C-alpha atoms as a PDB file:
ATOM      1  CA  MET A   1    -115.744  96.239  45.954  1.00  0.00           C
ATOM      2  CA  PRO A   2    -115.905  96.335  49.755  1.00  0.00           C
ATOM      3  CA  ASP A   3    -115.378  99.579  51.675  1.00  0.00           C
ATOM      4  CA  PHE A   4    -111.646  99.310  52.218  1.00  0.00           C
ATOM      5  CA  LEU A   5    -111.647 102.560  54.178  1.00  0.00           C
ATOM      6  CA  ARG A   6    -113.841 100.863  56.776  1.00  0.00           C
ATOM      7  CA  ASN A   7    -116.370 103.714  56.795  1.00  0.00           C
ATOM      8  CA  ASP A   8    -113.670 105.962  58.267  1.00  0.00           C
ATOM      9  CA  GLN A   9    -115.509 109.272  58.663  1.00  0.00           C
ATOM     10  CA  SER A  10    -112.263 111.179  59.230  1.00  0.00           C
ATOM     11  CA  ILE A  11    -111.532 110.843  55.506  1.00  0.00           C
ATOM     12  CA  HIS A  12    -114.017 113.653  54.808  1.00  0.00           C
ATOM     13  CA  GLN A  13    -112.001 115.979  57.048  1.00  0.00           C
ATOM     14  CA  LEU A  14    -108.943 115.397  54.863  1.00  0.00           C
ATOM     15  CA  ILE A  15    -110.514 116.641  51.646  1.00  0.00           C
ATOM     16  CA  GLY A  16    -108.137 119.221  50.267  1.00  0.00           C
ATOM     17  CA  GLN A  17    -105.157 117.644  52.042  1.00  0.00           C
ATOM     18  CA  GLN A  18    -103.955 115.599  49.084  1.00  0.00           C
ATOM     19  CA  GLU A  19    -100.763 114.232  50.687  1.00  0.00           C
ATOM     20  CA  LYS A  20    -102.569 112.858  53.740  1.00  0.00           C
ATOM     21  CA  LEU A  21    -105.324 111.335  51.610  1.00  0.00           C
ATOM     22  CA  MET A  22    -102.820 109.657  49.302  1.00  0.00           C
ATOM     23  CA  GLU A  23    -100.957 108.233  52.288  1.00  0.00           C
ATOM     24  CA  ILE A  24    -104.179 106.632  53.547  1.00  0.00           C
ATOM     25  CA  PHE A  25    -105.081 105.308  50.099  1.00  0.00           C
ATOM     26  CA  TYR A  26    -101.664 103.859  49.376  1.00  0.00           C
ATOM     27  CA  LYS A  27    -101.266 102.328  52.844  1.00  0.00           C
ATOM     28  CA  GLY A  28    -104.781 100.918  53.037  1.00  0.00           C
ATOM     29  CA  GLY A  29    -105.021  99.974  49.404  1.00  0.00           C
ATOM     30  CA  THR A  30    -102.281  97.425  48.957  1.00  0.00           C
ATOM     31  CA  TYR A  31    -103.464  93.952  48.106  1.00  0.00           C
ATOM     32  CA  GLU A  32    -101.862  92.772  51.342  1.00  0.00           C
ATOM     33  CA  ALA A  33    -104.066  95.213  53.289  1.00  0.00           C
ATOM     34  CA  ILE A  34    -107.304  94.220  51.544  1.00  0.00           C
ATOM     35  CA  LYS A  35    -106.813  90.509  50.836  1.00  0.00           C
ATOM     36  CA  ASP A  36    -108.866  89.350  53.851  1.00  0.00           C
ATOM     37  CA  ASP A  37    -111.758  91.574  52.720  1.00  0.00           C
ATOM     38  CA  VAL A  38    -111.470  90.257  49.173  1.00  0.00           C
ATOM     39  CA  LYS A  39    -111.438  86.665  50.467  1.00  0.00           C
ATOM     40  CA  ALA A  40    -114.462  87.245  52.737  1.00  0.00           C
ATOM     41  CA  THR A  41    -116.352  88.921  49.907  1.00  0.00           C
ATOM     42  CA  LYS A  42    -115.581  86.067  47.528  1.00  0.00           C
ATOM     43  CA  ASN A  43    -116.634  83.456  50.095  1.00  0.00           C
ATOM     44  CA  HIS A  44    -119.939  85.229  50.698  1.00  0.00           C
ATOM     45  CA  ILE A  45    -120.669  85.724  47.001  1.00  0.00           C
ATOM     46  CA  LYS A  46    -119.825  82.123  46.173  1.00  0.00           C
ATOM     47  CA  ASN A  47    -120.975  80.182  49.232  1.00  0.00           C
ATOM     48  CA  VAL A  48    -123.927  82.239  50.490  1.00  0.00           C
ATOM     49  CA  GLU A  49    -125.233  83.861  47.307  1.00  0.00           C
ATOM     50  CA  GLY A  50    -124.239  80.947  45.061  1.00  0.00           C
ATOM     51  CA  PHE A  51    -122.658  82.952  42.252  1.00  0.00           C
ATOM     52  CA  ASP A  52    -119.895  81.469  40.118  1.00  0.00           C
ATOM     53  CA  ASN A  53    -119.566  84.182  37.472  1.00  0.00           C
ATOM     54  CA  VAL A  54    -118.475  87.327  39.255  1.00  0.00           C
ATOM     55  CA  PHE A  55    -117.430  90.630  37.737  1.00  0.00           C
ATOM     56  CA  ILE A  56    -115.986  93.559  39.644  1.00  0.00           C
ATOM     57  CA  VAL A  57    -116.996  97.178  39.105  1.00  0.00           C
ATOM     58  CA  GLY A  58    -114.905  99.840  40.786  1.00  0.00           C
ATOM     59  CA  PHE A  59    -115.404 103.582  40.954  1.00  0.00           C
ATOM     60  CA  TYR A  60    -112.641 106.056  41.737  1.00  0.00           C
ATOM     61  CA  TRP A  61    -109.944 104.255  43.738  1.00  0.00           C
ATOM     62  CA  GLY A  62    -111.943 101.018  43.571  1.00  0.00           C
ATOM     63  CA  GLY A  63    -111.255 100.902  39.841  1.00  0.00           C
ATOM     64  CA  GLU A  64    -107.566 100.477  40.499  1.00  0.00           C
ATOM     65  CA  LYS A  65    -108.310  97.776  43.063  1.00  0.00           C
ATOM     66  CA  ASP A  66    -110.627  95.882  40.750  1.00  0.00           C
ATOM     67  CA  ILE A  67    -108.028  95.371  38.024  1.00  0.00           C
ATOM     68  CA  ALA A  68    -105.444  94.281  40.594  1.00  0.00           C
ATOM     69  CA  THR A  69    -107.655  91.756  42.424  1.00  0.00           C
ATOM     70  CA  PRO A  70    -108.082  89.188  39.590  1.00  0.00           C
ATOM     71  CA  ALA A  71    -104.291  88.903  39.365  1.00  0.00           C
ATOM     72  CA  HIS A  72    -104.480  87.294  42.808  1.00  0.00           C
ATOM     73  CA  ASN A  73    -107.667  85.288  42.310  1.00  0.00           C
ATOM     74  CA  SER A  74    -109.072  83.942  39.043  1.00  0.00           C
ATOM     75  CA  PHE A  75    -112.569  83.716  40.565  1.00  0.00           C
ATOM     76  CA  TYR A  76    -113.281  87.175  39.152  1.00  0.00           C
ATOM     77  CA  LYS A  77    -114.126  86.956  35.445  1.00  0.00           C
ATOM     78  CA  ALA A  78    -113.781  90.618  34.444  1.00  0.00           C
ATOM     79  CA  SER A  79    -113.478  94.103  35.824  1.00  0.00           C
ATOM     80  CA  ALA A  80    -114.908  97.505  34.972  1.00  0.00           C
ATOM     81  CA  LEU A  81    -113.159 100.699  35.977  1.00  0.00           C
ATOM     82  CA  VAL A  82    -115.365 103.780  36.039  1.00  0.00           C
ATOM     83  CA  HIS A  83    -113.773 107.233  36.381  1.00  0.00           C
ATOM     84  CA  SER A  84    -110.877 105.566  38.147  1.00  0.00           C
ATOM     85  CA  SER A  85    -108.217 107.323  40.130  1.00  0.00           C
ATOM     86  CA  LEU A  86    -104.741 106.335  41.282  1.00  0.00           C
ATOM     87  CA  LEU A  87    -104.146 104.312  38.128  1.00  0.00           C
ATOM     88  CA  GLU A  88    -100.673 104.098  36.662  1.00  0.00           C
ATOM     89  CA  PRO A  89     -99.897 103.196  33.034  1.00  0.00           C
ATOM     90  CA  ASN A  90     -98.153 100.004  34.186  1.00  0.00           C
ATOM     91  CA  ASP A  91    -101.312  98.769  35.936  1.00  0.00           C
ATOM     92  CA  PHE A  92    -102.659  97.595  32.587  1.00  0.00           C
ATOM     93  CA  LYS A  93     -99.671  95.305  31.950  1.00  0.00           C
ATOM     94  CA  ASN A  94    -100.740  93.164  34.908  1.00  0.00           C
ATOM     95  CA  VAL A  95    -104.405  92.802  33.929  1.00  0.00           C
ATOM     96  CA  GLU A  96    -105.394  89.114  34.165  1.00  0.00           C
ATOM     97  CA  CYS A  97    -108.971  89.235  32.884  1.00  0.00           C
ATOM     98  CA  PRO A  98    -111.085  91.262  30.459  1.00  0.00           C
ATOM     99  CA  ALA A  99    -111.296  94.892  31.524  1.00  0.00           C
ATOM    100  CA  ILE A 100    -113.654  97.744  30.712  1.00  0.00           C
ATOM    101  CA  LEU A 101    -112.252 101.243  31.184  1.00  0.00           C
ATOM    102  CA  LEU A 102    -114.707 104.162  31.223  1.00  0.00           C
ATOM    103  CA  SER A 103    -113.150 107.508  32.008  1.00  0.00           C
ATOM    104  CA  SER A 104    -114.221 111.141  32.120  1.00  0.00           C
ATOM    105  CA  LYS A 105    -112.607 114.180  30.581  1.00  0.00           C
ATOM    106  CA  LEU A 106    -110.629 114.723  33.790  1.00  0.00           C
ATOM    107  CA  GLU A 107    -108.813 111.390  33.966  1.00  0.00           C
ATOM    108  CA  ILE A 108    -105.517 110.741  32.274  1.00  0.00           C
ATOM    109  CA  ASP A 109    -105.964 109.550  28.696  1.00  0.00           C
ATOM    110  CA  PHE A 110    -104.998 105.883  28.982  1.00  0.00           C
ATOM    111  CA  ASN A 111    -105.733 104.962  25.342  1.00  0.00           C
ATOM    112  CA  LYS A 112    -102.139 103.950  24.568  1.00  0.00           C
ATOM    113  CA  ASP A 113    -101.565 102.305  27.954  1.00  0.00           C
ATOM    114  CA  PHE A 114    -104.842 100.378  27.920  1.00  0.00           C
ATOM    115  CA  ALA A 115    -104.027  99.075  24.420  1.00  0.00           C
ATOM    116  CA  VAL A 116    -101.747  96.471  26.031  1.00  0.00           C
ATOM    117  CA  THR A 117    -104.892  94.663  27.236  1.00  0.00           C
ATOM    118  CA  PHE A 118    -106.078  94.203  23.640  1.00  0.00           C
ATOM    119  CA  ALA A 119    -102.929  92.158  22.909  1.00  0.00           C
ATOM    120  CA  LYS A 120    -103.745  89.643  25.663  1.00  0.00           C
ATOM    121  CA  THR A 121    -105.558  86.371  24.956  1.00  0.00           C
ATOM    122  CA  PHE A 122    -108.797  87.944  26.192  1.00  0.00           C
ATOM    123  CA  GLY A 123    -108.123  91.258  24.432  1.00  0.00           C
ATOM    124  CA  ASN A 124    -111.151  90.958  22.164  1.00  0.00           C
ATOM    125  CA  LEU A 125    -113.275  91.172  25.330  1.00  0.00           C
ATOM    126  CA  CYS A 126    -111.707  94.416  26.592  1.00  0.00           C
ATOM    127  CA  TYR A 127    -113.334  97.798  26.040  1.00  0.00           C
ATOM    128  CA  GLN A 128    -112.313 101.412  26.558  1.00  0.00           C
ATOM    129  CA  GLN A 129    -114.237 104.662  26.175  1.00  0.00           C
ATOM    130  CA  GLN A 130    -113.569 108.202  27.314  1.00  0.00           C
ATOM    131  CA  PHE A 131    -116.635 110.308  28.121  1.00  0.00           C
ATOM    132  CA  ASP A 132    -115.164 113.658  27.080  1.00  0.00           C
ATOM    133  CA  ASP A 133    -118.256 115.578  28.145  1.00  0.00           C
ATOM    134  CA  MET A 134    -118.402 114.208  31.704  1.00  0.00           C
ATOM    135  CA  GLU A 135    -116.739 115.262  34.951  1.00  0.00           C
ATOM    136  CA  HIS A 136    -114.930 112.810  37.226  1.00  0.00           C
ATOM    137  CA  GLY A 137    -117.582 111.004  39.281  1.00  0.00           C
ATOM    138  CA  TRP A 138    -120.482 111.232  36.817  1.00  0.00           C
ATOM    139  CA  CYS A 139    -121.546 107.617  37.500  1.00  0.00           C
ATOM    140  CA  ALA A 140    -121.349 107.703  41.287  1.00  0.00           C
ATOM    141  CA  SER A 141    -123.477 109.037  44.103  1.00  0.00           C
ATOM    142  CA  ARG A 142    -121.874 112.481  44.111  1.00  0.00           C
ATOM    143  CA  SER A 143    -123.166 113.157  40.619  1.00  0.00           C
ATOM    144  CA  ASP A 144    -126.271 115.186  39.795  1.00  0.00           C
ATOM    145  CA  TRP A 145    -128.489 112.641  38.077  1.00  0.00           C
ATOM    146  CA  SER A 146    -131.322 115.172  37.914  1.00  0.00           C
ATOM    147  CA  ASN A 147    -129.284 116.642  35.045  1.00  0.00           C
ATOM    148  CA  ILE A 148    -130.625 114.838  31.964  1.00  0.00           C
ATOM    149  CA  LEU A 149    -127.256 114.738  30.192  1.00  0.00           C
ATOM    150  CA  ILE A 150    -125.403 113.317  33.206  1.00  0.00           C
ATOM    151  CA  ALA A 151    -128.137 110.749  33.875  1.00  0.00           C
ATOM    152  CA  SER A 152    -128.145 109.731  30.224  1.00  0.00           C
ATOM    153  CA  ARG A 153    -124.355 109.353  30.080  1.00  0.00           C
ATOM    154  CA  ALA A 154    -124.316 107.405  33.375  1.00  0.00           C
ATOM    155  CA  ASN A 155    -127.004 105.100  31.990  1.00  0.00           C
ATOM    156  CA  GLU A 156    -124.918 104.692  28.835  1.00  0.00           C
ATOM    157  CA  ALA A 157    -121.870 103.755  30.923  1.00  0.00           C
ATOM    158  CA  PHE A 158    -123.827 101.188  32.945  1.00  0.00           C
ATOM    159  CA  SER A 159    -125.295  99.768  29.729  1.00  0.00           C
ATOM    160  CA  ILE A 160    -121.787  99.418  28.284  1.00  0.00           C
ATOM    161  CA  ILE A 161    -120.698  97.509  31.384  1.00  0.00           C
ATOM    162  CA  VAL A 162    -123.697  95.156  31.301  1.00  0.00           C
ATOM    163  CA  ALA A 163    -123.391  94.552  27.541  1.00  0.00           C
ATOM    164  CA  ASN A 164    -119.694  93.788  27.827  1.00  0.00           C
ATOM    165  CA  PHE A 165    -120.134  91.551  30.870  1.00  0.00           C
ATOM    166  CA  ASN A 166    -122.804  89.629  28.916  1.00  0.00           C
ATOM    167  CA  LYS A 167    -120.386  89.313  26.004  1.00  0.00           C
ATOM    168  CA  ILE A 168    -117.688  88.003  28.362  1.00  0.00           C
ATOM    169  CA  ILE A 169    -119.935  85.484  30.109  1.00  0.00           C
ATOM    170  CA  ASN A 170    -121.132  84.160  26.744  1.00  0.00           C
ATOM    171  CA  SER A 171    -117.647  83.865  25.249  1.00  0.00           C
END
């Protein structure tokens, strides 16, 4: 997913100011606000790189964006959400492609809510796993991959994504 915050360095100064951060995320994160970025990204991936089978992986807030984007553009074949934030239970009702949900022990347990994706025509291609021994962010750059357990669980998560994307592309 593109950097929808536009490398805004002031975001770091707002850590701990939850209301202000949420205002920025909700204002800047609507599909209307990001659609030009999504379109430019798609055009580059398709026309410059030559890819036709594209999957989206989103971390944190990007996870919420990557399940919303395919509802607006069927170019994206599947999405993976890794330790996502800002998700709502209703977000899963609008999923338009196979989705992979990998969460830590700190995210809301979406087992029941995510189950709605299994009832869709592509439901057999959806996957969900909670990593109960991992903190939020274990697969991203803020994590301590020198810790063998964290590195191993991050590698497991990435392997799950690749295996499921392969399953989807071959279906």
